[in-house]
Amino acid sequence: MKIAGIEEAGKGPCIGPLVVCGVLIDEKKETELRLIGVKDSKKLTPLKRTMLADKIKNIADKIEIIKIIPDEIDKAVNSENSNLNLLEAEKMAIIINKLKSEKIIIDCPSPNKKQFARDIKKKLNIKKAKIIAEHKADENYPIVSAASIIAKVERDNEIEKLKKKLKVDFGSGYTSDIVTQEFLKDNWENPKYSSIIRYSWESWKRLKRDKGQKRLPEW
């Protein structure tokens, strides 16, 4: 049986895309993933992730990747009829339809695992597909660990491309990153960087409120 693992990277950052990855393999090949040392991407160094990503690509039957840009994320977060989890479910369904797997294991981003699985199934072409949506699936299933690694490497590569294109270092894009914090503080309303900033994030909204309050005396 062909099985697929799906995971994302970059859900939390205030800058840059969210990357969703699906990896398809023959179930028998899961042993190969264990042997090369796949694990949750957060527990690996960037160099190790890159090395493993190349090996995973050689083992996998198929890999599908979707990059969700900040503007699309903002629209989902600000929508009355959607949210970030529903947006992820939609993108994961697109990936599953391309992979054509009947067994899919997902690292569930939603606290309601059953509802998240239902949201995906509504959009599937293969109605008999079995979806296993679990928390910490990237730690417990090699196939999801593999998707986690590919997603993280793809997002890191995308971040580096954006830095070169815009000729600026904005750090990792995560709100805990000091470089990212300083960049956002200095460029929160700079239109030059509007394509990479998530304006629906509290980190940006807080800056807008604070900067606006400081300007009040000027009136």
Protein backbone atom coordinates (compact mmCIF):
# COMPACT_ATOMS: atom_id res chain seq x y z
CA MET A 1 0.00 0.00 0.00
CA LYS A 2 1.12 3.54 -0.75
CA ILE A 3 1.04 5.84 2.27
CA ALA A 4 1.47 9.59 2.53
CA GLY A 5 2.70 11.81 5.30
CA ILE A 6 1.83 15.50 5.47
CA GLU A 7 3.35 18.25 7.57
CA GLU A 8 3.90 22.00 7.42
CA ALA A 9 6.66 24.40 8.31
CA GLY A 10 6.34 28.08 9.10
CA LYS A 11 2.93 28.36 10.70
CA GLY A 12 4.12 30.59 13.53
CA PRO A 13 6.42 33.18 11.86
CA CYS A 14 5.28 36.74 11.23
CA ILE A 15 7.35 36.88 8.04
CA GLY A 16 7.49 34.57 5.04
CA PRO A 17 5.43 31.70 3.64
CA LEU A 18 3.89 28.67 5.26
CA VAL A 19 5.04 25.51 3.46
CA VAL A 20 2.94 22.34 3.34
CA CYS A 21 4.57 19.12 2.14
CA GLY A 22 3.26 15.66 1.31
CA VAL A 23 5.53 12.64 0.85
CA LEU A 24 4.31 9.42 -0.79
CA ILE A 25 6.07 6.06 -0.38
CA ASP A 26 5.36 2.36 -0.44
CA GLU A 27 4.55 1.34 3.13
CA LYS A 28 7.42 -1.14 3.05
CA LYS A 29 9.89 1.71 2.57
CA GLU A 30 9.18 3.18 6.01
CA THR A 31 12.05 1.06 7.29
CA GLU A 32 14.39 2.90 4.93
CA LEU A 33 13.28 6.21 6.39
CA ARG A 34 14.07 4.95 9.88
CA LEU A 35 17.47 3.70 8.77
CA ILE A 36 18.56 7.07 7.37
CA GLY A 37 17.56 8.71 10.65
CA VAL A 38 14.47 10.79 9.88
CA LYS A 39 12.91 12.52 12.87
CA ASP A 40 10.98 15.66 13.68
CA SER A 41 12.75 18.43 11.72
CA LYS A 42 12.89 20.65 14.81
CA LYS A 43 15.29 18.15 16.39
CA LEU A 44 17.75 18.32 13.49
CA THR A 45 20.41 20.85 12.51
CA PRO A 46 19.95 22.73 9.21
CA LEU A 47 22.81 20.74 7.67
CA LYS A 48 21.34 17.41 8.77
CA ARG A 49 17.93 18.40 7.43
CA THR A 50 19.41 19.27 4.04
CA MET A 51 21.30 15.97 3.86
CA LEU A 52 18.21 13.98 4.85
CA ALA A 53 16.00 15.89 2.40
CA ASP A 54 18.14 14.66 -0.50
CA LYS A 55 17.93 11.07 0.75
CA ILE A 56 14.17 11.30 1.27
CA LYS A 57 13.72 12.52 -2.31
CA ASN A 58 15.52 9.39 -3.53
CA ILE A 59 13.33 7.09 -1.42
CA ALA A 60 9.97 8.78 -2.01
CA ASP A 61 7.67 7.81 -4.88
CA LYS A 62 6.36 11.36 -5.07
CA ILE A 63 6.60 14.67 -3.21
CA GLU A 64 4.15 17.57 -3.41
CA ILE A 65 4.77 21.03 -1.94
CA ILE A 66 2.52 24.05 -1.58
CA LYS A 67 3.79 27.45 -0.45
CA ILE A 68 1.17 29.73 1.11
CA ILE A 69 2.12 33.39 0.86
CA PRO A 70 1.43 35.91 3.67
CA ASP A 71 -1.40 37.63 1.78
CA GLU A 72 -3.34 34.37 1.51
CA ILE A 73 -2.67 33.65 5.19
CA ASP A 74 -3.95 37.11 6.18
CA LYS A 75 -7.14 36.67 4.15
CA ALA A 76 -7.87 33.35 5.89
CA VAL A 77 -7.13 34.71 9.37
CA ASN A 78 -9.26 37.83 8.82
CA SER A 79 -12.13 35.99 7.14
CA GLU A 80 -15.44 35.36 8.87
CA ASN A 81 -15.80 32.06 7.00
CA SER A 82 -12.29 30.69 7.28
CA ASN A 83 -9.20 30.49 9.48
CA LEU A 84 -5.63 29.25 9.23
CA ASN A 85 -6.52 25.65 10.08
CA LEU A 86 -9.17 25.53 7.36
CA LEU A 87 -6.69 26.99 4.90
CA GLU A 88 -4.19 24.27 5.82
CA ALA A 89 -6.88 21.60 5.46
CA GLU A 90 -7.67 22.92 1.98
CA LYS A 91 -4.01 22.83 0.89
CA MET A 92 -3.48 19.39 2.40
CA ALA A 93 -6.49 18.09 0.45
CA ILE A 94 -4.96 19.44 -2.77
CA ILE A 95 -1.73 17.59 -1.99
CA ILE A 96 -3.54 14.35 -1.13
CA ASN A 97 -5.49 14.50 -4.40
CA LYS A 98 -2.20 14.85 -6.29
CA LEU A 99 -0.51 12.03 -4.38
CA LYS A 100 -3.54 9.73 -4.83
CA SER A 101 -2.88 7.86 -1.58
CA GLU A 102 -5.55 5.89 0.26
CA LYS A 103 -3.78 6.17 3.62
CA ILE A 104 -2.64 9.57 4.84
CA ILE A 105 -1.00 10.49 8.14
CA ILE A 106 -1.09 14.14 9.13
CA ASP A 107 0.48 16.13 11.92
CA CYS A 108 -2.72 17.86 12.98
CA PRO A 109 -2.47 21.65 13.53
CA SER A 110 -5.94 21.82 15.09
CA PRO A 111 -6.92 20.84 18.66
CA ASN A 112 -9.92 19.02 17.16
CA LYS A 113 -8.34 16.13 15.26
CA LYS A 114 -11.58 14.53 14.09
CA GLN A 115 -12.99 17.78 12.73
CA PHE A 116 -9.74 18.58 10.93
CA ALA A 117 -9.81 15.16 9.26
CA ARG A 118 -13.44 15.75 8.23
CA ASP A 119 -12.57 19.16 6.77
CA ILE A 120 -9.96 17.48 4.57
CA LYS A 121 -12.16 14.56 3.51
CA LYS A 122 -14.82 16.96 2.21
CA LYS A 123 -12.37 18.05 -0.51
CA LEU A 124 -10.88 14.67 -1.46
CA ASN A 125 -11.37 12.94 -4.79
CA ILE A 126 -10.70 9.55 -3.15
CA LYS A 127 -13.61 9.32 -0.73
CA LYS A 128 -12.45 6.02 0.78
CA ALA A 129 -9.09 7.49 1.78
CA LYS A 130 -8.16 6.87 5.40
CA ILE A 131 -6.91 9.95 7.21
CA ILE A 132 -4.99 9.64 10.46
CA ALA A 133 -4.74 13.11 12.01
CA GLU A 134 -2.66 13.13 15.16
CA HIS A 135 -0.75 15.56 17.32
CA LYS A 136 3.01 14.99 17.31
CA ALA A 137 2.71 12.74 14.27
CA ASP A 138 6.03 14.16 13.09
CA GLU A 139 7.61 12.49 16.13
CA ASN A 140 5.74 9.19 15.89
CA TYR A 141 5.58 8.39 12.16
CA PRO A 142 8.69 8.31 9.91
CA ILE A 143 6.65 9.29 6.86
CA VAL A 144 5.44 12.46 8.60
CA SER A 145 8.96 13.17 9.86
CA ALA A 146 10.09 12.99 6.22
CA ALA A 147 7.43 15.51 5.18
CA SER A 148 8.45 17.71 8.11
CA ILE A 149 12.07 17.74 6.96
CA ILE A 150 11.25 18.57 3.34
CA ALA A 151 8.83 21.32 4.39
CA LYS A 152 11.39 22.91 6.71
CA VAL A 153 14.19 22.80 4.13
CA GLU A 154 11.88 24.30 1.49
CA ARG A 155 10.82 27.12 3.81
CA ASP A 156 14.42 27.86 4.82
CA ASN A 157 15.40 27.99 1.14
CA GLU A 158 12.49 30.29 0.39
CA ILE A 159 13.52 32.62 3.22
CA GLU A 160 17.06 32.86 1.85
CA LYS A 161 15.70 33.61 -1.64
CA LEU A 162 13.55 36.42 -0.26
CA LYS A 163 16.51 37.93 1.59
CA LYS A 164 18.58 37.97 -1.58
CA LYS A 165 15.73 39.35 -3.66
CA LEU A 166 14.94 42.15 -1.20
CA LYS A 167 18.58 42.66 -0.21
CA VAL A 168 17.77 42.66 3.49
CA ASP A 169 18.32 40.35 6.46
CA PHE A 170 15.05 39.92 8.36
CA GLY A 171 16.21 36.85 10.30
CA SER A 172 14.24 33.62 10.40
CA GLY A 173 10.85 35.33 10.36
CA TYR A 174 9.92 33.90 13.77
CA THR A 175 8.71 36.37 16.37
CA SER A 176 11.26 35.08 18.91
CA ASP A 177 14.13 36.04 16.58
CA ILE A 178 15.80 39.32 17.64
CA VAL A 179 16.78 40.13 14.04
CA THR A 180 13.18 39.61 12.94
CA GLN A 181 11.88 41.77 15.79
CA GLU A 182 14.18 44.65 14.86
CA PHE A 183 13.35 44.35 11.16
CA LEU A 184 9.63 44.44 11.84
CA LYS A 185 10.02 47.39 14.22
CA ASP A 186 11.87 49.38 11.54
CA ASN A 187 9.78 48.30 8.54
CA TRP A 188 6.29 47.55 9.84
CA GLU A 189 4.69 50.00 7.37
CA ASN A 190 7.29 49.91 4.59
CA PRO A 191 5.45 48.95 1.36
CA LYS A 192 8.67 47.46 -0.02
CA TYR A 193 8.23 44.48 2.30
CA SER A 194 4.45 44.13 2.13
CA SER A 195 4.70 40.79 0.30
CA ILE A 196 6.58 39.05 3.13
CA ILE A 197 4.85 40.38 6.28
CA ARG A 198 1.80 38.72 7.85
CA TYR A 199 -0.32 41.71 8.78
CA SER A 200 -2.85 39.56 10.63
CA TRP A 201 -0.24 38.58 13.23
CA GLU A 202 -0.41 40.13 16.69
CA SER A 203 3.28 41.09 16.49
CA TRP A 204 2.49 43.46 13.59
CA LYS A 205 -0.79 44.70 15.07
CA ARG A 206 0.95 45.55 18.33
CA LEU A 207 3.53 47.66 16.47
CA LYS A 208 0.76 49.46 14.62
CA ARG A 209 -1.03 50.26 17.88
CA ASP A 210 2.14 51.40 19.64
CA LYS A 211 3.37 53.54 16.76
CA GLY A 212 -0.09 55.08 16.35
CA GLN A 213 -0.25 56.02 20.03
CA LYS A 214 3.16 57.70 19.86
CA ARG A 215 1.94 59.88 17.01
CA LEU A 216 -1.14 61.17 18.86
CA PRO A 217 0.65 64.08 20.57
CA GLU A 218 1.72 65.32 17.14
CA TRP A 219 -1.92 66.08 16.37
